[in-house]
Amino acid sequence: MYRYLSQHSELYVIEICEQNDVWKPIGDVSLCRDMILIVIGVPMYRGKGIGRRVISLLLEYARGLGGTDLL
């Protein structure tokens, strides 16, 4: 799946900074031509607004690229 997404979208790993400045991957997000796919795979980080923040940043980035069909 990651191979497909990396070839057909912009794929990013979502990381969280834990103690001692150690970055831990907790999910991923893909910006496709007609959709955004996001997964927060670590249950303890779900429901904390991380996904909402990631989507917001990705929409802002896409608009900067000229995306006009975004919500």
N, C-alpha and C. Protein backbone atom coordinates (compact mmCIF):
# COMPACT_ATOMS: atom_id res chain seq x y z
N MET A 1 0.82 -1.19 0.00
CA MET A 1 0.00 0.00 0.00
C MET A 1 0.87 1.26 0.00
N TYR A 2 1.94 1.27 0.81
CA TYR A 2 2.79 2.45 0.85
C TYR A 2 3.48 2.69 -0.49
N ARG A 3 3.80 1.63 -1.18
CA ARG A 3 4.43 1.79 -2.49
C ARG A 3 3.47 2.51 -3.44
N TYR A 4 2.21 2.07 -3.45
CA TYR A 4 1.20 2.71 -4.30
C TYR A 4 1.03 4.18 -3.91
N LEU A 5 0.85 4.44 -2.62
CA LEU A 5 0.63 5.81 -2.16
C LEU A 5 1.83 6.70 -2.46
N SER A 6 3.03 6.18 -2.29
CA SER A 6 4.20 7.01 -2.55
C SER A 6 4.37 7.31 -4.03
N GLN A 7 3.79 6.49 -4.89
CA GLN A 7 3.87 6.73 -6.33
C GLN A 7 2.72 7.58 -6.86
N HIS A 8 1.59 7.62 -6.13
CA HIS A 8 0.39 8.31 -6.62
C HIS A 8 -0.07 9.46 -5.73
N SER A 9 0.71 9.79 -4.73
CA SER A 9 0.34 10.87 -3.82
C SER A 9 1.59 11.41 -3.14
N GLU A 10 1.39 12.42 -2.34
CA GLU A 10 2.46 12.86 -1.45
C GLU A 10 2.18 12.19 -0.11
N LEU A 11 3.09 11.36 0.32
CA LEU A 11 2.91 10.54 1.52
C LEU A 11 3.81 11.07 2.63
N TYR A 12 3.22 11.30 3.81
CA TYR A 12 3.96 11.82 4.95
C TYR A 12 3.73 10.94 6.17
N VAL A 13 4.77 10.78 6.97
CA VAL A 13 4.66 10.07 8.24
C VAL A 13 4.33 11.11 9.31
N ILE A 14 3.38 10.78 10.17
CA ILE A 14 3.02 11.65 11.30
C ILE A 14 3.82 11.17 12.50
N GLU A 15 4.58 12.08 13.10
CA GLU A 15 5.40 11.72 14.24
C GLU A 15 5.05 12.61 15.43
N ILE A 16 5.33 12.09 16.61
CA ILE A 16 5.10 12.83 17.85
C ILE A 16 6.44 12.89 18.59
N CYS A 17 6.74 14.02 19.18
CA CYS A 17 7.98 14.17 19.94
C CYS A 17 7.73 13.72 21.37
N GLU A 18 8.44 12.69 21.79
CA GLU A 18 8.30 12.18 23.15
C GLU A 18 9.46 12.67 23.99
N GLN A 19 9.63 12.08 25.13
CA GLN A 19 10.69 12.49 26.06
C GLN A 19 12.05 12.40 25.40
N ASN A 20 12.94 13.25 25.84
CA ASN A 20 14.33 13.29 25.35
C ASN A 20 14.42 13.57 23.86
N ASP A 21 13.44 14.31 23.31
CA ASP A 21 13.43 14.68 21.89
C ASP A 21 13.49 13.47 20.95
N VAL A 22 12.85 12.39 21.36
CA VAL A 22 12.77 11.20 20.52
C VAL A 22 11.47 11.27 19.73
N TRP A 23 11.56 11.18 18.40
CA TRP A 23 10.39 11.25 17.53
C TRP A 23 9.86 9.85 17.27
N LYS A 24 8.56 9.68 17.47
CA LYS A 24 7.91 8.37 17.31
C LYS A 24 6.85 8.47 16.22
N PRO A 25 6.91 7.60 15.19
CA PRO A 25 5.86 7.61 14.17
C PRO A 25 4.55 7.07 14.75
N ILE A 26 3.45 7.80 14.50
CA ILE A 26 2.15 7.36 15.03
C ILE A 26 1.11 7.20 13.94
N GLY A 27 1.46 7.55 12.71
CA GLY A 27 0.49 7.43 11.62
C GLY A 27 1.05 7.97 10.34
N ASP A 28 0.17 8.12 9.37
CA ASP A 28 0.58 8.67 8.08
C ASP A 28 -0.59 9.40 7.43
N VAL A 29 -0.24 10.24 6.47
CA VAL A 29 -1.24 10.99 5.72
C VAL A 29 -0.78 11.10 4.28
N SER A 30 -1.72 11.01 3.35
CA SER A 30 -1.42 11.10 1.93
C SER A 30 -2.28 12.16 1.28
N LEU A 31 -1.66 13.01 0.52
CA LEU A 31 -2.36 14.02 -0.26
C LEU A 31 -2.43 13.52 -1.70
N CYS A 32 -3.63 13.08 -2.08
CA CYS A 32 -3.88 12.61 -3.44
C CYS A 32 -4.54 13.72 -4.23
N ARG A 33 -4.67 13.52 -5.51
CA ARG A 33 -5.28 14.54 -6.37
C ARG A 33 -6.70 14.87 -5.95
N ASP A 34 -7.47 13.87 -5.51
CA ASP A 34 -8.88 14.09 -5.21
C ASP A 34 -9.29 13.72 -3.78
N MET A 35 -8.31 13.45 -2.91
CA MET A 35 -8.66 13.11 -1.52
C MET A 35 -7.44 13.19 -0.62
N ILE A 36 -7.71 13.19 0.67
CA ILE A 36 -6.67 13.11 1.69
C ILE A 36 -6.97 11.86 2.51
N LEU A 37 -5.96 11.00 2.65
CA LEU A 37 -6.09 9.79 3.45
C LEU A 37 -5.23 9.94 4.70
N ILE A 38 -5.79 9.64 5.87
CA ILE A 38 -5.04 9.78 7.11
C ILE A 38 -5.33 8.60 8.03
N VAL A 39 -4.28 8.15 8.70
CA VAL A 39 -4.41 7.09 9.70
C VAL A 39 -3.56 7.47 10.90
N ILE A 40 -4.18 7.47 12.07
CA ILE A 40 -3.44 7.55 13.32
C ILE A 40 -3.47 6.13 13.87
N GLY A 41 -2.36 5.42 13.71
CA GLY A 41 -2.33 3.99 14.01
C GLY A 41 -2.11 3.65 15.47
N VAL A 42 -1.66 4.60 16.26
CA VAL A 42 -1.40 4.35 17.67
C VAL A 42 -2.62 4.84 18.47
N PRO A 43 -3.39 3.92 19.03
CA PRO A 43 -4.65 4.28 19.67
C PRO A 43 -4.56 5.39 20.73
N MET A 44 -3.49 5.45 21.49
CA MET A 44 -3.41 6.45 22.56
C MET A 44 -3.33 7.89 22.03
N TYR A 45 -3.05 8.05 20.73
CA TYR A 45 -2.98 9.39 20.15
C TYR A 45 -4.23 9.77 19.37
N ARG A 46 -5.20 8.89 19.32
CA ARG A 46 -6.47 9.19 18.65
C ARG A 46 -7.33 10.07 19.56
N GLY A 47 -8.14 10.91 18.95
CA GLY A 47 -9.05 11.75 19.72
C GLY A 47 -8.39 12.92 20.43
N LYS A 48 -7.17 13.25 20.04
CA LYS A 48 -6.43 14.34 20.68
C LYS A 48 -6.27 15.55 19.77
N GLY A 49 -6.91 15.52 18.60
CA GLY A 49 -6.83 16.65 17.68
C GLY A 49 -5.63 16.62 16.75
N ILE A 50 -4.83 15.58 16.83
CA ILE A 50 -3.64 15.50 15.97
C ILE A 50 -4.05 15.39 14.51
N GLY A 51 -5.00 14.51 14.21
CA GLY A 51 -5.47 14.35 12.84
C GLY A 51 -6.06 15.63 12.29
N ARG A 52 -6.83 16.34 13.10
CA ARG A 52 -7.44 17.61 12.68
C ARG A 52 -6.35 18.62 12.34
N ARG A 53 -5.31 18.68 13.14
CA ARG A 53 -4.21 19.62 12.91
C ARG A 53 -3.44 19.25 11.65
N VAL A 54 -3.18 17.95 11.46
CA VAL A 54 -2.47 17.49 10.27
C VAL A 54 -3.26 17.83 9.01
N ILE A 55 -4.57 17.54 9.02
CA ILE A 55 -5.42 17.85 7.86
C ILE A 55 -5.41 19.34 7.58
N SER A 56 -5.51 20.15 8.61
CA SER A 56 -5.49 21.60 8.44
C SER A 56 -4.20 22.06 7.78
N LEU A 57 -3.07 21.55 8.24
CA LEU A 57 -1.78 21.93 7.65
C LEU A 57 -1.67 21.44 6.21
N LEU A 58 -2.17 20.24 5.95
CA LEU A 58 -2.09 19.69 4.59
C LEU A 58 -2.99 20.46 3.63
N LEU A 59 -4.17 20.88 4.08
CA LEU A 59 -5.05 21.70 3.24
C LEU A 59 -4.40 23.04 2.92
N GLU A 60 -3.76 23.63 3.92
CA GLU A 60 -3.06 24.90 3.70
C GLU A 60 -1.94 24.71 2.67
N TYR A 61 -1.21 23.62 2.79
CA TYR A 61 -0.14 23.30 1.84
C TYR A 61 -0.71 23.11 0.44
N ALA A 62 -1.79 22.35 0.32
CA ALA A 62 -2.41 22.08 -0.98
C ALA A 62 -2.91 23.36 -1.63
N ARG A 63 -3.49 24.24 -0.85
CA ARG A 63 -3.95 25.52 -1.39
C ARG A 63 -2.77 26.32 -1.95
N GLY A 64 -1.65 26.24 -1.26
CA GLY A 64 -0.44 26.92 -1.73
C GLY A 64 0.07 26.36 -3.05
N LEU A 65 -0.25 25.10 -3.30
CA LEU A 65 0.11 24.48 -4.58
C LEU A 65 -0.88 24.79 -5.68
N GLY A 66 -1.97 25.47 -5.32
CA GLY A 66 -2.98 25.83 -6.32
C GLY A 66 -4.21 24.95 -6.28
N GLY A 67 -4.36 24.17 -5.25
CA GLY A 67 -5.57 23.34 -5.11
C GLY A 67 -6.79 24.22 -4.94
N THR A 68 -7.78 24.04 -5.78
CA THR A 68 -8.97 24.89 -5.72
C THR A 68 -10.21 24.11 -5.34
N ASP A 69 -10.17 22.80 -5.37
CA ASP A 69 -11.35 21.99 -5.07
C ASP A 69 -11.32 21.44 -3.65
N LEU A 70 -10.82 22.25 -2.74
CA LEU A 70 -10.68 21.80 -1.35
C LEU A 70 -11.77 22.44 -0.49
N LEU A 71 -12.13 21.78 0.56
CA LEU A 71 -13.11 22.33 1.50
C LEU A 71 -12.50 23.43 2.32
